[in-house]
Amino acid sequence: MGVSGTYLLYGVGVIALVALVAAFGASQATARLRRRLTRLMQGSSGGEGLETALAQAMEQARAATERVAEMEVRLKAAEDELSYAITRVGMVRFNPFLDTGADLSFSLALLNQRANGLVMTGLWGRDEVRVYAKQIADGGSTHVLSQEERQAMELAIRQSHHHGDGQDAPPKSSGRRHAD
């Protein structure tokens, strides 16, 4: 073996030594990555691991989804109940008689979201007060309504206290009307 064969042998030895050092370094890096992955998955020093934390998060998300579904059912039931509650009120004060000087008579509409309820009218006179009530169903009545009763009912129907359902708000005027 000549000089070139010796150099070749040294070259191969150096390459083998470099490959051995690289393999040892790769082995050390792999071991470090395994330890880090094990700590991540199992938790370090008795702590909660990633797998456990993810399982708990999934269970909490499932429980929250169930709770939201239950709340949606309860909200729907409450909204359905509320549609029967008196939530719309309209009142008109007026003077039905020429011999009195004040707006002490009134028509008061008390309606639910479905425009069902009643209209009450109180007529004030010097010697007596009379109160009348008329049933309202679907925004109308089987009884003849006076102009003031219709106006009070329209004020109540225009009110919107339920989730901004897009209907007009009541006018800002006092709603007073004087009969002639």
C-alpha atoms as a PDB file:
ATOM      1  CA  MET A   1       0.000   0.000   0.000  1.00  0.00           C
ATOM      2  CA  GLY A   2       1.474   3.213  -0.984  1.00  0.00           C
ATOM      3  CA  VAL A   3       1.186   6.718   0.219  1.00  0.00           C
ATOM      4  CA  SER A   4      -2.086   7.266  -1.564  1.00  0.00           C
ATOM      5  CA  GLY A   5      -3.547   4.104   0.018  1.00  0.00           C
ATOM      6  CA  THR A   6      -2.535   5.311   3.459  1.00  0.00           C
ATOM      7  CA  TYR A   7      -4.128   8.657   2.851  1.00  0.00           C
ATOM      8  CA  LEU A   8      -7.199   6.893   1.625  1.00  0.00           C
ATOM      9  CA  LEU A   9      -7.292   4.799   4.795  1.00  0.00           C
ATOM     10  CA  TYR A  10      -6.840   7.892   6.976  1.00  0.00           C
ATOM     11  CA  GLY A  11      -9.546   9.689   5.011  1.00  0.00           C
ATOM     12  CA  VAL A  12     -11.994   6.830   5.473  1.00  0.00           C
ATOM     13  CA  GLY A  13     -11.128   6.701   9.185  1.00  0.00           C
ATOM     14  CA  VAL A  14     -11.721  10.432   9.577  1.00  0.00           C
ATOM     15  CA  ILE A  15     -15.037  10.160   7.733  1.00  0.00           C
ATOM     16  CA  ALA A  16     -16.034   7.207   9.937  1.00  0.00           C
ATOM     17  CA  LEU A  17     -15.044   9.171  13.051  1.00  0.00           C
ATOM     18  CA  VAL A  18     -17.079  12.213  11.892  1.00  0.00           C
ATOM     19  CA  ALA A  19     -20.038   9.919  11.115  1.00  0.00           C
ATOM     20  CA  LEU A  20     -19.716   8.345  14.566  1.00  0.00           C
ATOM     21  CA  VAL A  21     -19.660  11.778  16.257  1.00  0.00           C
ATOM     22  CA  ALA A  22     -22.678  12.882  14.160  1.00  0.00           C
ATOM     23  CA  ALA A  23     -24.580   9.692  15.040  1.00  0.00           C
ATOM     24  CA  PHE A  24     -23.776  10.186  18.746  1.00  0.00           C
ATOM     25  CA  GLY A  25     -24.987  13.822  18.518  1.00  0.00           C
ATOM     26  CA  ALA A  26     -28.183  12.739  16.746  1.00  0.00           C
ATOM     27  CA  SER A  27     -28.726  10.081  19.394  1.00  0.00           C
ATOM     28  CA  GLN A  28     -28.343  12.686  22.159  1.00  0.00           C
ATOM     29  CA  ALA A  29     -30.741  15.100  20.403  1.00  0.00           C
ATOM     30  CA  THR A  30     -33.298  12.305  19.970  1.00  0.00           C
ATOM     31  CA  ALA A  31     -33.006  11.382  23.654  1.00  0.00           C
ATOM     32  CA  ARG A  32     -33.541  15.036  24.662  1.00  0.00           C
ATOM     33  CA  LEU A  33     -36.586  15.275  22.398  1.00  0.00           C
ATOM     34  CA  ARG A  34     -38.018  12.065  23.888  1.00  0.00           C
ATOM     35  CA  ARG A  35     -37.568  13.396  27.426  1.00  0.00           C
ATOM     36  CA  ARG A  36     -39.237  16.682  26.482  1.00  0.00           C
ATOM     37  CA  LEU A  37     -42.108  14.871  24.756  1.00  0.00           C
ATOM     38  CA  THR A  38     -42.542  12.586  27.773  1.00  0.00           C
ATOM     39  CA  ARG A  39     -42.622  15.602  30.124  1.00  0.00           C
ATOM     40  CA  LEU A  40     -45.113  17.323  27.830  1.00  0.00           C
ATOM     41  CA  MET A  41     -47.424  14.315  27.621  1.00  0.00           C
ATOM     42  CA  GLN A  42     -47.136  13.208  31.276  1.00  0.00           C
ATOM     43  CA  GLY A  43     -46.421  16.486  32.980  1.00  0.00           C
ATOM     44  CA  SER A  44     -43.336  17.352  34.907  1.00  0.00           C
ATOM     45  CA  SER A  45     -42.939  17.016  38.659  1.00  0.00           C
ATOM     46  CA  GLY A  46     -46.378  15.483  39.190  1.00  0.00           C
ATOM     47  CA  GLY A  47     -48.154  18.134  37.131  1.00  0.00           C
ATOM     48  CA  GLU A  48     -50.898  17.585  34.600  1.00  0.00           C
ATOM     49  CA  GLY A  49     -49.781  16.308  31.204  1.00  0.00           C
ATOM     50  CA  LEU A  50     -50.924  17.500  27.799  1.00  0.00           C
ATOM     51  CA  GLU A  51     -53.011  14.411  27.186  1.00  0.00           C
ATOM     52  CA  THR A  52     -54.842  14.822  30.508  1.00  0.00           C
ATOM     53  CA  ALA A  53     -55.279  18.558  29.960  1.00  0.00           C
ATOM     54  CA  LEU A  54     -56.704  17.995  26.474  1.00  0.00           C
ATOM     55  CA  ALA A  55     -59.098  15.325  27.766  1.00  0.00           C
ATOM     56  CA  GLN A  56     -60.304  17.684  30.508  1.00  0.00           C
ATOM     57  CA  ALA A  57     -60.706  20.548  28.040  1.00  0.00           C
ATOM     58  CA  MET A  58     -62.745  18.316  25.724  1.00  0.00           C
ATOM     59  CA  GLU A  59     -64.993  17.258  28.632  1.00  0.00           C
ATOM     60  CA  GLN A  60     -65.478  20.881  29.691  1.00  0.00           C
ATOM     61  CA  ALA A  61     -66.349  21.873  26.117  1.00  0.00           C
ATOM     62  CA  ARG A  62     -68.874  19.014  25.889  1.00  0.00           C
ATOM     63  CA  ALA A  63     -70.438  20.017  29.227  1.00  0.00           C
ATOM     64  CA  ALA A  64     -70.577  23.668  28.142  1.00  0.00           C
ATOM     65  CA  THR A  65     -72.257  22.686  24.866  1.00  0.00           C
ATOM     66  CA  GLU A  66     -74.878  20.685  26.764  1.00  0.00           C
ATOM     67  CA  ARG A  67     -75.462  23.584  29.158  1.00  0.00           C
ATOM     68  CA  VAL A  68     -75.888  26.030  26.262  1.00  0.00           C
ATOM     69  CA  ALA A  69     -78.432  23.688  24.664  1.00  0.00           C
ATOM     70  CA  GLU A  70     -80.343  23.482  27.972  1.00  0.00           C
ATOM     71  CA  MET A  71     -80.267  27.284  28.320  1.00  0.00           C
ATOM     72  CA  GLU A  72     -81.566  27.708  24.760  1.00  0.00           C
ATOM     73  CA  VAL A  73     -84.544  25.476  25.591  1.00  0.00           C
ATOM     74  CA  ARG A  74     -85.214  27.444  28.788  1.00  0.00           C
ATOM     75  CA  LEU A  75     -84.849  30.775  26.957  1.00  0.00           C
ATOM     76  CA  LYS A  76     -87.313  29.677  24.278  1.00  0.00           C
ATOM     77  CA  ALA A  77     -89.817  28.638  26.979  1.00  0.00           C
ATOM     78  CA  ALA A  78     -89.366  31.992  28.755  1.00  0.00           C
ATOM     79  CA  GLU A  79     -89.835  33.908  25.504  1.00  0.00           C
ATOM     80  CA  ASP A  80     -92.991  31.920  24.746  1.00  0.00           C
ATOM     81  CA  GLU A  81     -94.336  32.712  28.251  1.00  0.00           C
ATOM     82  CA  LEU A  82     -93.396  36.371  27.885  1.00  0.00           C
ATOM     83  CA  SER A  83     -95.437  36.670  24.699  1.00  0.00           C
ATOM     84  CA  TYR A  84     -98.555  36.275  26.903  1.00  0.00           C
ATOM     85  CA  ALA A  85     -97.454  38.865  29.500  1.00  0.00           C
ATOM     86  CA  ILE A  86     -98.760  42.437  29.374  1.00  0.00           C
ATOM     87  CA  THR A  87     -95.782  44.302  27.966  1.00  0.00           C
ATOM     88  CA  ARG A  88     -97.391  46.972  25.817  1.00  0.00           C
ATOM     89  CA  VAL A  89     -99.247  49.866  27.348  1.00  0.00           C
ATOM     90  CA  GLY A  90    -100.862  52.826  25.651  1.00  0.00           C
ATOM     91  CA  MET A  91    -102.735  55.616  27.410  1.00  0.00           C
ATOM     92  CA  VAL A  92    -104.679  58.586  26.110  1.00  0.00           C
ATOM     93  CA  ARG A  93    -106.060  61.275  28.409  1.00  0.00           C
ATOM     94  CA  PHE A  94    -108.967  63.358  27.175  1.00  0.00           C
ATOM     95  CA  ASN A  95    -111.851  65.590  28.148  1.00  0.00           C
ATOM     96  CA  PRO A  96    -115.154  63.974  27.059  1.00  0.00           C
ATOM     97  CA  PHE A  97    -117.434  66.674  28.441  1.00  0.00           C
ATOM     98  CA  LEU A  98    -117.563  70.329  27.557  1.00  0.00           C
ATOM     99  CA  ASP A  99    -118.544  71.403  31.086  1.00  0.00           C
ATOM    100  CA  THR A 100    -115.289  70.288  32.740  1.00  0.00           C
ATOM    101  CA  GLY A 101    -111.899  71.804  32.260  1.00  0.00           C
ATOM    102  CA  ALA A 102    -109.416  68.973  32.708  1.00  0.00           C
ATOM    103  CA  ASP A 103    -108.180  65.853  30.940  1.00  0.00           C
ATOM    104  CA  LEU A 104    -109.215  63.549  33.767  1.00  0.00           C
ATOM    105  CA  SER A 105    -110.790  60.847  31.594  1.00  0.00           C
ATOM    106  CA  PHE A 106    -108.571  58.206  30.018  1.00  0.00           C
ATOM    107  CA  SER A 107    -108.380  55.172  27.778  1.00  0.00           C
ATOM    108  CA  LEU A 108    -105.736  52.644  28.767  1.00  0.00           C
ATOM    109  CA  ALA A 109    -104.730  49.719  26.542  1.00  0.00           C
ATOM    110  CA  LEU A 110    -102.943  46.778  28.214  1.00  0.00           C
ATOM    111  CA  LEU A 111    -101.700  44.290  25.597  1.00  0.00           C
ATOM    112  CA  ASN A 112     -99.281  41.408  25.233  1.00  0.00           C
ATOM    113  CA  GLN A 113     -96.877  40.801  22.326  1.00  0.00           C
ATOM    114  CA  ARG A 114     -99.687  39.130  20.381  1.00  0.00           C
ATOM    115  CA  ALA A 115    -101.905  42.250  20.681  1.00  0.00           C
ATOM    116  CA  ASN A 116    -104.274  40.505  23.113  1.00  0.00           C
ATOM    117  CA  GLY A 117    -105.499  42.131  26.320  1.00  0.00           C
ATOM    118  CA  LEU A 118    -107.959  44.856  27.147  1.00  0.00           C
ATOM    119  CA  VAL A 119    -108.773  48.530  26.828  1.00  0.00           C
ATOM    120  CA  MET A 120    -110.113  50.325  29.896  1.00  0.00           C
ATOM    121  CA  THR A 121    -111.799  53.688  29.677  1.00  0.00           C
ATOM    122  CA  GLY A 122    -112.537  55.877  32.652  1.00  0.00           C
ATOM    123  CA  LEU A 123    -114.950  58.761  32.110  1.00  0.00           C
ATOM    124  CA  TRP A 124    -114.692  61.421  34.789  1.00  0.00           C
ATOM    125  CA  GLY A 125    -117.661  63.663  35.415  1.00  0.00           C
ATOM    126  CA  ARG A 126    -118.427  66.104  38.221  1.00  0.00           C
ATOM    127  CA  ASP A 127    -120.817  63.728  39.953  1.00  0.00           C
ATOM    128  CA  GLU A 128    -119.516  60.307  38.932  1.00  0.00           C
ATOM    129  CA  VAL A 129    -116.758  58.269  37.330  1.00  0.00           C
ATOM    130  CA  ARG A 130    -117.552  55.418  34.975  1.00  0.00           C
ATOM    131  CA  VAL A 131    -115.064  52.731  34.006  1.00  0.00           C
ATOM    132  CA  TYR A 132    -115.502  50.453  31.006  1.00  0.00           C
ATOM    133  CA  ALA A 133    -113.349  47.522  29.886  1.00  0.00           C
ATOM    134  CA  LYS A 134    -113.314  45.911  26.454  1.00  0.00           C
ATOM    135  CA  GLN A 135    -111.459  42.759  25.462  1.00  0.00           C
ATOM    136  CA  ILE A 136    -108.859  42.985  22.693  1.00  0.00           C
ATOM    137  CA  ALA A 137    -107.920  39.921  20.624  1.00  0.00           C
ATOM    138  CA  ASP A 138    -105.351  40.047  17.819  1.00  0.00           C
ATOM    139  CA  GLY A 139    -105.437  43.844  17.815  1.00  0.00           C
ATOM    140  CA  GLY A 140    -109.202  44.132  17.458  1.00  0.00           C
ATOM    141  CA  SER A 141    -112.375  43.973  19.537  1.00  0.00           C
ATOM    142  CA  THR A 142    -115.865  42.627  19.094  1.00  0.00           C
ATOM    143  CA  HIS A 143    -117.023  45.810  20.854  1.00  0.00           C
ATOM    144  CA  VAL A 144    -117.135  49.180  19.161  1.00  0.00           C
ATOM    145  CA  LEU A 145    -114.072  51.168  20.233  1.00  0.00           C
ATOM    146  CA  SER A 146    -114.128  54.920  20.728  1.00  0.00           C
ATOM    147  CA  GLN A 147    -111.549  57.083  18.997  1.00  0.00           C
ATOM    148  CA  GLU A 148    -109.571  57.362  22.259  1.00  0.00           C
ATOM    149  CA  GLU A 149    -109.686  53.595  22.830  1.00  0.00           C
ATOM    150  CA  ARG A 150    -108.416  52.955  19.281  1.00  0.00           C
ATOM    151  CA  GLN A 151    -105.684  55.544  19.798  1.00  0.00           C
ATOM    152  CA  ALA A 152    -104.594  53.963  23.105  1.00  0.00           C
ATOM    153  CA  MET A 153    -104.582  50.522  21.481  1.00  0.00           C
ATOM    154  CA  GLU A 154    -102.508  51.783  18.540  1.00  0.00           C
ATOM    155  CA  LEU A 155    -100.017  53.378  20.943  1.00  0.00           C
ATOM    156  CA  ALA A 156     -99.680  50.073  22.790  1.00  0.00           C
ATOM    157  CA  ILE A 157     -99.297  48.025  19.612  1.00  0.00           C
ATOM    158  CA  ARG A 158     -96.562  50.338  18.309  1.00  0.00           C
ATOM    159  CA  GLN A 159     -94.536  49.862  21.478  1.00  0.00           C
ATOM    160  CA  SER A 160     -91.720  47.366  21.196  1.00  0.00           C
ATOM    161  CA  HIS A 161     -90.144  46.187  24.441  1.00  0.00           C
ATOM    162  CA  HIS A 162     -89.298  42.707  23.190  1.00  0.00           C
ATOM    163  CA  HIS A 163     -85.866  42.215  21.565  1.00  0.00           C
ATOM    164  CA  GLY A 164     -86.144  45.200  19.255  1.00  0.00           C
ATOM    165  CA  ASP A 165     -88.590  43.487  16.939  1.00  0.00           C
ATOM    166  CA  GLY A 166     -88.321  46.362  14.491  1.00  0.00           C
ATOM    167  CA  GLN A 167     -91.656  48.024  15.183  1.00  0.00           C
ATOM    168  CA  ASP A 168     -92.020  51.748  15.720  1.00  0.00           C
ATOM    169  CA  ALA A 169     -91.471  53.201  19.165  1.00  0.00           C
ATOM    170  CA  PRO A 170     -94.368  55.133  20.697  1.00  0.00           C
ATOM    171  CA  PRO A 171     -94.566  58.808  19.816  1.00  0.00           C
ATOM    172  CA  LYS A 172     -93.046  61.316  22.218  1.00  0.00           C
ATOM    173  CA  SER A 173     -96.167  63.461  22.372  1.00  0.00           C
ATOM    174  CA  SER A 174     -98.299  63.395  25.495  1.00  0.00           C
ATOM    175  CA  GLY A 175    -101.048  61.493  23.694  1.00  0.00           C
ATOM    176  CA  ARG A 176    -103.626  64.046  24.881  1.00  0.00           C
ATOM    177  CA  ARG A 177    -106.729  64.554  22.856  1.00  0.00           C
ATOM    178  CA  HIS A 178    -109.566  66.867  23.571  1.00  0.00           C
ATOM    179  CA  ALA A 179    -113.030  65.847  22.403  1.00  0.00           C
ATOM    180  CA  ASP A 180    -115.107  68.546  20.739  1.00  0.00           C
END
